[in-house]
């Protein structure tokens, strides 16, 4: 684990409406339903066409948690237990010391603030475990995701261009610079 954060992220968090829990292999079937849905999995390499892709995705997130302390959470509605999405941290283009946050909400559950609620909970926890900065890479056309990042207190930082076009980077500083010097 990198020296930039003081401890690993907890495997479970809770908000008013959501239970966030670290993904396990037991979540693969439910998650694959979301990842195979072309209306839901519209970013990255989605939608997934094979169950093995979802299993590999979960295994990679579990390894990141084990090796680097960063967690990716299954988002379940507290009232029904239904898996409606995910939210968590990955190394991304900025590395493990300043990870990226990502989130995905099932198409039928968008527009009611679940992504913002989960993102806020994960960012609060990032601050608690000593992460100093978190990034979000968002395509310019993804206005809903940009709103989630801005609602969570993230600010536009810069644009990069990759093989798929422009990628806007948002960032949030979670600890004051004086805290960084004493760590």
C-alpha atoms as a PDB file:
ATOM      1  CA  UNK A   1       0.000   0.000   0.000  1.00  0.00           C
ATOM      2  CA  UNK A   2       1.243   3.452  -0.782  1.00  0.00           C
ATOM      3  CA  UNK A   3       2.548   5.646   2.020  1.00  0.00           C
ATOM      4  CA  UNK A   4       0.165   8.425   1.016  1.00  0.00           C
ATOM      5  CA  UNK A   5      -2.782   7.060   2.956  1.00  0.00           C
ATOM      6  CA  UNK A   6      -2.833   6.002   6.549  1.00  0.00           C
ATOM      7  CA  UNK A   7      -4.997   2.887   6.330  1.00  0.00           C
ATOM      8  CA  UNK A   8      -7.090   0.786   4.009  1.00  0.00           C
ATOM      9  CA  UNK A   9     -10.626   1.726   3.169  1.00  0.00           C
ATOM     10  CA  UNK A  10     -13.379   0.005   5.091  1.00  0.00           C
ATOM     11  CA  UNK A  11     -15.167  -2.830   3.262  1.00  0.00           C
ATOM     12  CA  UNK A  12     -18.599  -1.361   4.062  1.00  0.00           C
ATOM     13  CA  UNK A  13     -20.135   2.111   4.255  1.00  0.00           C
ATOM     14  CA  UNK A  14     -23.712   3.271   4.629  1.00  0.00           C
ATOM     15  CA  UNK A  15     -25.736   6.303   3.575  1.00  0.00           C
ATOM     16  CA  UNK A  16     -29.354   7.223   4.167  1.00  0.00           C
ATOM     17  CA  UNK A  17     -30.544   5.104   1.229  1.00  0.00           C
ATOM     18  CA  UNK A  18     -27.579   2.930   0.249  1.00  0.00           C
ATOM     19  CA  UNK A  19     -25.496   0.109   1.676  1.00  0.00           C
ATOM     20  CA  UNK A  20     -22.025   0.145   0.130  1.00  0.00           C
ATOM     21  CA  UNK A  21     -20.035  -3.087   0.389  1.00  0.00           C
ATOM     22  CA  UNK A  22     -16.781  -4.226  -1.177  1.00  0.00           C
ATOM     23  CA  UNK A  23     -17.402  -6.484  -4.148  1.00  0.00           C
ATOM     24  CA  UNK A  24     -16.931 -10.224  -3.738  1.00  0.00           C
ATOM     25  CA  UNK A  25     -17.205 -13.077  -6.205  1.00  0.00           C
ATOM     26  CA  UNK A  26     -20.732 -13.659  -4.884  1.00  0.00           C
ATOM     27  CA  UNK A  27     -21.824 -10.392  -6.533  1.00  0.00           C
ATOM     28  CA  UNK A  28     -20.815 -11.453 -10.054  1.00  0.00           C
ATOM     29  CA  UNK A  29     -24.219 -12.617 -11.343  1.00  0.00           C
ATOM     30  CA  UNK A  30     -26.071  -9.473 -10.217  1.00  0.00           C
ATOM     31  CA  UNK A  31     -23.292  -7.176 -11.394  1.00  0.00           C
ATOM     32  CA  UNK A  32     -23.145  -8.870 -14.774  1.00  0.00           C
ATOM     33  CA  UNK A  33     -26.783  -7.934 -15.350  1.00  0.00           C
ATOM     34  CA  UNK A  34     -25.773  -4.267 -14.987  1.00  0.00           C
ATOM     35  CA  UNK A  35     -22.563  -4.602 -16.989  1.00  0.00           C
ATOM     36  CA  UNK A  36     -24.297  -6.442 -19.852  1.00  0.00           C
ATOM     37  CA  UNK A  37     -27.008  -3.780 -20.151  1.00  0.00           C
ATOM     38  CA  UNK A  38     -26.034  -1.369 -22.964  1.00  0.00           C
ATOM     39  CA  UNK A  39     -28.222   1.358 -21.399  1.00  0.00           C
ATOM     40  CA  UNK A  40     -26.311   1.110 -18.103  1.00  0.00           C
ATOM     41  CA  UNK A  41     -22.711   0.236 -19.011  1.00  0.00           C
ATOM     42  CA  UNK A  42     -21.955   3.011 -21.465  1.00  0.00           C
ATOM     43  CA  UNK A  43     -18.381   3.856 -20.436  1.00  0.00           C
ATOM     44  CA  UNK A  44     -15.017   2.135 -20.630  1.00  0.00           C
ATOM     45  CA  UNK A  45     -15.165  -1.201 -22.410  1.00  0.00           C
ATOM     46  CA  UNK A  46     -18.857  -1.815 -21.676  1.00  0.00           C
ATOM     47  CA  UNK A  47     -21.245  -3.347 -22.143  1.00  0.00           C
ATOM     48  CA  UNK A  48     -19.698  -6.678 -21.198  1.00  0.00           C
ATOM     49  CA  UNK A  49     -20.719  -9.585 -23.383  1.00  0.00           C
ATOM     50  CA  UNK A  50     -19.224 -12.428 -21.331  1.00  0.00           C
ATOM     51  CA  UNK A  51     -19.707 -13.308 -17.687  1.00  0.00           C
ATOM     52  CA  UNK A  52     -15.930 -13.867 -17.462  1.00  0.00           C
ATOM     53  CA  UNK A  53     -15.416 -10.122 -18.060  1.00  0.00           C
ATOM     54  CA  UNK A  54     -17.475  -9.299 -14.966  1.00  0.00           C
ATOM     55  CA  UNK A  55     -15.680 -11.944 -12.885  1.00  0.00           C
ATOM     56  CA  UNK A  56     -12.307 -10.547 -13.982  1.00  0.00           C
ATOM     57  CA  UNK A  57     -13.470  -6.991 -13.168  1.00  0.00           C
ATOM     58  CA  UNK A  58     -14.406  -8.069  -9.625  1.00  0.00           C
ATOM     59  CA  UNK A  59     -11.122  -9.975  -9.186  1.00  0.00           C
ATOM     60  CA  UNK A  60      -9.173  -6.876 -10.249  1.00  0.00           C
ATOM     61  CA  UNK A  61     -11.072  -4.689  -7.741  1.00  0.00           C
ATOM     62  CA  UNK A  62     -10.507  -7.224  -4.946  1.00  0.00           C
ATOM     63  CA  UNK A  63      -6.769  -7.292  -5.754  1.00  0.00           C
ATOM     64  CA  UNK A  64      -6.605  -3.479  -5.692  1.00  0.00           C
ATOM     65  CA  UNK A  65      -8.228  -3.479  -2.270  1.00  0.00           C
ATOM     66  CA  UNK A  66      -5.880  -6.158  -0.964  1.00  0.00           C
ATOM     67  CA  UNK A  67      -2.706  -4.661  -2.449  1.00  0.00           C
ATOM     68  CA  UNK A  68      -3.366  -0.915  -2.283  1.00  0.00           C
ATOM     69  CA  UNK A  69      -6.206  -0.357   0.196  1.00  0.00           C
ATOM     70  CA  UNK A  70      -8.572   1.168  -2.393  1.00  0.00           C
ATOM     71  CA  UNK A  71     -12.126  -0.146  -2.369  1.00  0.00           C
ATOM     72  CA  UNK A  72     -14.828  -0.470  -5.020  1.00  0.00           C
ATOM     73  CA  UNK A  73     -18.312  -0.789  -3.574  1.00  0.00           C
ATOM     74  CA  UNK A  74     -21.491  -2.528  -4.640  1.00  0.00           C
ATOM     75  CA  UNK A  75     -24.375  -0.098  -4.147  1.00  0.00           C
ATOM     76  CA  UNK A  76     -27.530  -1.672  -2.763  1.00  0.00           C
ATOM     77  CA  UNK A  77     -30.741   0.070  -1.861  1.00  0.00           C
ATOM     78  CA  UNK A  78     -31.259  -0.308   1.874  1.00  0.00           C
ATOM     79  CA  UNK A  79     -35.023  -0.741   1.514  1.00  0.00           C
ATOM     80  CA  UNK A  80     -34.877  -3.572  -1.065  1.00  0.00           C
ATOM     81  CA  UNK A  81     -31.312  -4.948  -1.039  1.00  0.00           C
ATOM     82  CA  UNK A  82     -31.252  -4.552  -4.824  1.00  0.00           C
ATOM     83  CA  UNK A  83     -27.879  -3.965  -6.489  1.00  0.00           C
ATOM     84  CA  UNK A  84     -28.309  -0.699  -8.396  1.00  0.00           C
ATOM     85  CA  UNK A  85     -24.740   0.262  -9.205  1.00  0.00           C
ATOM     86  CA  UNK A  86     -21.196   0.686  -7.995  1.00  0.00           C
ATOM     87  CA  UNK A  87     -18.784   3.361  -6.843  1.00  0.00           C
ATOM     88  CA  UNK A  88     -15.152   3.258  -5.848  1.00  0.00           C
ATOM     89  CA  UNK A  89     -11.519   4.025  -6.447  1.00  0.00           C
ATOM     90  CA  UNK A  90      -8.970   2.835  -8.981  1.00  0.00           C
ATOM     91  CA  UNK A  91      -5.459   3.865  -9.985  1.00  0.00           C
ATOM     92  CA  UNK A  92      -6.528   5.303 -13.329  1.00  0.00           C
ATOM     93  CA  UNK A  93      -4.202   7.714 -15.082  1.00  0.00           C
ATOM     94  CA  UNK A  94      -3.190   9.338 -11.795  1.00  0.00           C
ATOM     95  CA  UNK A  95      -1.952   6.267  -9.866  1.00  0.00           C
ATOM     96  CA  UNK A  96      -2.706   4.772  -6.472  1.00  0.00           C
ATOM     97  CA  UNK A  97      -1.496   7.770  -4.440  1.00  0.00           C
ATOM     98  CA  UNK A  98      -4.082  10.023  -6.100  1.00  0.00           C
ATOM     99  CA  UNK A  99      -6.743   7.577  -7.293  1.00  0.00           C
ATOM    100  CA  UNK A 100      -9.708   8.182  -9.541  1.00  0.00           C
ATOM    101  CA  UNK A 101     -13.280   7.732  -8.409  1.00  0.00           C
ATOM    102  CA  UNK A 102     -15.814   6.078 -10.640  1.00  0.00           C
ATOM    103  CA  UNK A 103     -19.498   5.319 -10.407  1.00  0.00           C
ATOM    104  CA  UNK A 104     -22.184   3.545 -12.387  1.00  0.00           C
ATOM    105  CA  UNK A 105     -25.914   3.511 -11.697  1.00  0.00           C
ATOM    106  CA  UNK A 106     -28.390   1.188 -13.398  1.00  0.00           C
ATOM    107  CA  UNK A 107     -30.349   3.009 -16.059  1.00  0.00           C
ATOM    108  CA  UNK A 108     -33.661   2.540 -14.231  1.00  0.00           C
ATOM    109  CA  UNK A 109     -32.298   4.133 -11.024  1.00  0.00           C
ATOM    110  CA  UNK A 110     -30.694   7.271 -12.438  1.00  0.00           C
ATOM    111  CA  UNK A 111     -31.835  10.787 -11.768  1.00  0.00           C
ATOM    112  CA  UNK A 112     -32.619  10.427  -8.051  1.00  0.00           C
ATOM    113  CA  UNK A 113     -29.187  11.207  -6.588  1.00  0.00           C
ATOM    114  CA  UNK A 114     -27.775   7.738  -5.903  1.00  0.00           C
ATOM    115  CA  UNK A 115     -24.466   8.466  -7.669  1.00  0.00           C
ATOM    116  CA  UNK A 116     -24.019  11.736  -5.780  1.00  0.00           C
ATOM    117  CA  UNK A 117     -24.907  10.076  -2.459  1.00  0.00           C
ATOM    118  CA  UNK A 118     -22.444   7.219  -2.990  1.00  0.00           C
ATOM    119  CA  UNK A 119     -19.697   9.513  -4.282  1.00  0.00           C
ATOM    120  CA  UNK A 120     -20.028  11.802  -1.260  1.00  0.00           C
ATOM    121  CA  UNK A 121     -19.799   8.820   1.113  1.00  0.00           C
ATOM    122  CA  UNK A 122     -16.706   7.427  -0.619  1.00  0.00           C
ATOM    123  CA  UNK A 123     -14.991  10.837  -0.669  1.00  0.00           C
ATOM    124  CA  UNK A 124     -15.721  11.378   3.047  1.00  0.00           C
ATOM    125  CA  UNK A 125     -14.142   8.018   3.726  1.00  0.00           C
ATOM    126  CA  UNK A 126     -11.141   8.856   1.518  1.00  0.00           C
ATOM    127  CA  UNK A 127     -10.536  11.896   3.705  1.00  0.00           C
ATOM    128  CA  UNK A 128     -10.870   9.765   6.860  1.00  0.00           C
ATOM    129  CA  UNK A 129      -8.207   7.292   5.677  1.00  0.00           C
ATOM    130  CA  UNK A 130      -5.815  10.053   4.654  1.00  0.00           C
ATOM    131  CA  UNK A 131      -6.057  10.248   0.880  1.00  0.00           C
ATOM    132  CA  UNK A 132      -5.035  13.752  -0.155  1.00  0.00           C
ATOM    133  CA  UNK A 133      -6.498  14.081  -3.614  1.00  0.00           C
ATOM    134  CA  UNK A 134      -9.024  12.159  -5.698  1.00  0.00           C
ATOM    135  CA  UNK A 135      -9.610  12.578  -9.430  1.00  0.00           C
ATOM    136  CA  UNK A 136     -12.434  11.813 -11.853  1.00  0.00           C
ATOM    137  CA  UNK A 137     -11.878  11.416 -15.579  1.00  0.00           C
ATOM    138  CA  UNK A 138     -15.115  12.239 -17.421  1.00  0.00           C
ATOM    139  CA  UNK A 139     -15.960  12.526 -21.108  1.00  0.00           C
ATOM    140  CA  UNK A 140     -17.315  16.020 -21.945  1.00  0.00           C
ATOM    141  CA  UNK A 141     -20.628  14.615 -23.248  1.00  0.00           C
ATOM    142  CA  UNK A 142     -21.341  12.886 -19.907  1.00  0.00           C
ATOM    143  CA  UNK A 143     -23.057  15.870 -18.308  1.00  0.00           C
ATOM    144  CA  UNK A 144     -24.733  13.777 -15.588  1.00  0.00           C
ATOM    145  CA  UNK A 145     -21.367  12.482 -14.379  1.00  0.00           C
ATOM    146  CA  UNK A 146     -19.881  15.964 -14.480  1.00  0.00           C
ATOM    147  CA  UNK A 147     -22.791  17.169 -12.286  1.00  0.00           C
ATOM    148  CA  UNK A 148     -22.123  14.342  -9.801  1.00  0.00           C
ATOM    149  CA  UNK A 149     -18.449  15.317  -9.570  1.00  0.00           C
ATOM    150  CA  UNK A 150     -19.279  19.003  -9.118  1.00  0.00           C
ATOM    151  CA  UNK A 151     -21.961  18.241  -6.506  1.00  0.00           C
ATOM    152  CA  UNK A 152     -19.343  16.233  -4.601  1.00  0.00           C
ATOM    153  CA  UNK A 153     -17.075  19.294  -4.482  1.00  0.00           C
ATOM    154  CA  UNK A 154     -14.763  18.324  -7.327  1.00  0.00           C
ATOM    155  CA  UNK A 155     -13.445  21.081  -9.593  1.00  0.00           C
ATOM    156  CA  UNK A 156     -12.439  20.975 -13.234  1.00  0.00           C
ATOM    157  CA  UNK A 157      -8.640  20.742 -13.504  1.00  0.00           C
ATOM    158  CA  UNK A 158      -7.590  19.954 -17.075  1.00  0.00           C
ATOM    159  CA  UNK A 159      -8.331  18.102 -20.326  1.00  0.00           C
ATOM    160  CA  UNK A 160      -6.348  15.248 -21.819  1.00  0.00           C
ATOM    161  CA  UNK A 161      -6.875  13.581 -25.170  1.00  0.00           C
ATOM    162  CA  UNK A 162      -6.699   9.833 -25.648  1.00  0.00           C
ATOM    163  CA  UNK A 163      -7.667   7.410 -28.416  1.00  0.00           C
ATOM    164  CA  UNK A 164     -11.372   8.056 -27.688  1.00  0.00           C
ATOM    165  CA  UNK A 165     -11.184  11.851 -27.598  1.00  0.00           C
ATOM    166  CA  UNK A 166     -11.220  14.480 -24.869  1.00  0.00           C
ATOM    167  CA  UNK A 167     -11.251  13.467 -21.215  1.00  0.00           C
ATOM    168  CA  UNK A 168     -11.991  16.125 -18.611  1.00  0.00           C
ATOM    169  CA  UNK A 169     -10.263  15.707 -15.248  1.00  0.00           C
ATOM    170  CA  UNK A 170     -11.926  16.893 -12.067  1.00  0.00           C
ATOM    171  CA  UNK A 171     -10.139  16.837  -8.708  1.00  0.00           C
ATOM    172  CA  UNK A 172     -10.835  17.350  -5.037  1.00  0.00           C
ATOM    173  CA  UNK A 173      -8.244  18.076  -2.369  1.00  0.00           C
ATOM    174  CA  UNK A 174      -9.291  16.277   0.794  1.00  0.00           C
ATOM    175  CA  UNK A 175      -6.630  17.299   3.284  1.00  0.00           C
ATOM    176  CA  UNK A 176      -4.994  20.671   3.867  1.00  0.00           C
ATOM    177  CA  UNK A 177      -1.375  21.067   2.748  1.00  0.00           C
ATOM    178  CA  UNK A 178      -0.239  21.349   6.380  1.00  0.00           C
ATOM    179  CA  UNK A 179      -1.713  17.893   7.035  1.00  0.00           C
ATOM    180  CA  UNK A 180       0.351  16.546   4.128  1.00  0.00           C
ATOM    181  CA  UNK A 181       3.552  17.852   5.684  1.00  0.00           C
ATOM    182  CA  UNK A 182       2.922  16.146   9.000  1.00  0.00           C
ATOM    183  CA  UNK A 183       2.081  12.726   7.490  1.00  0.00           C
END
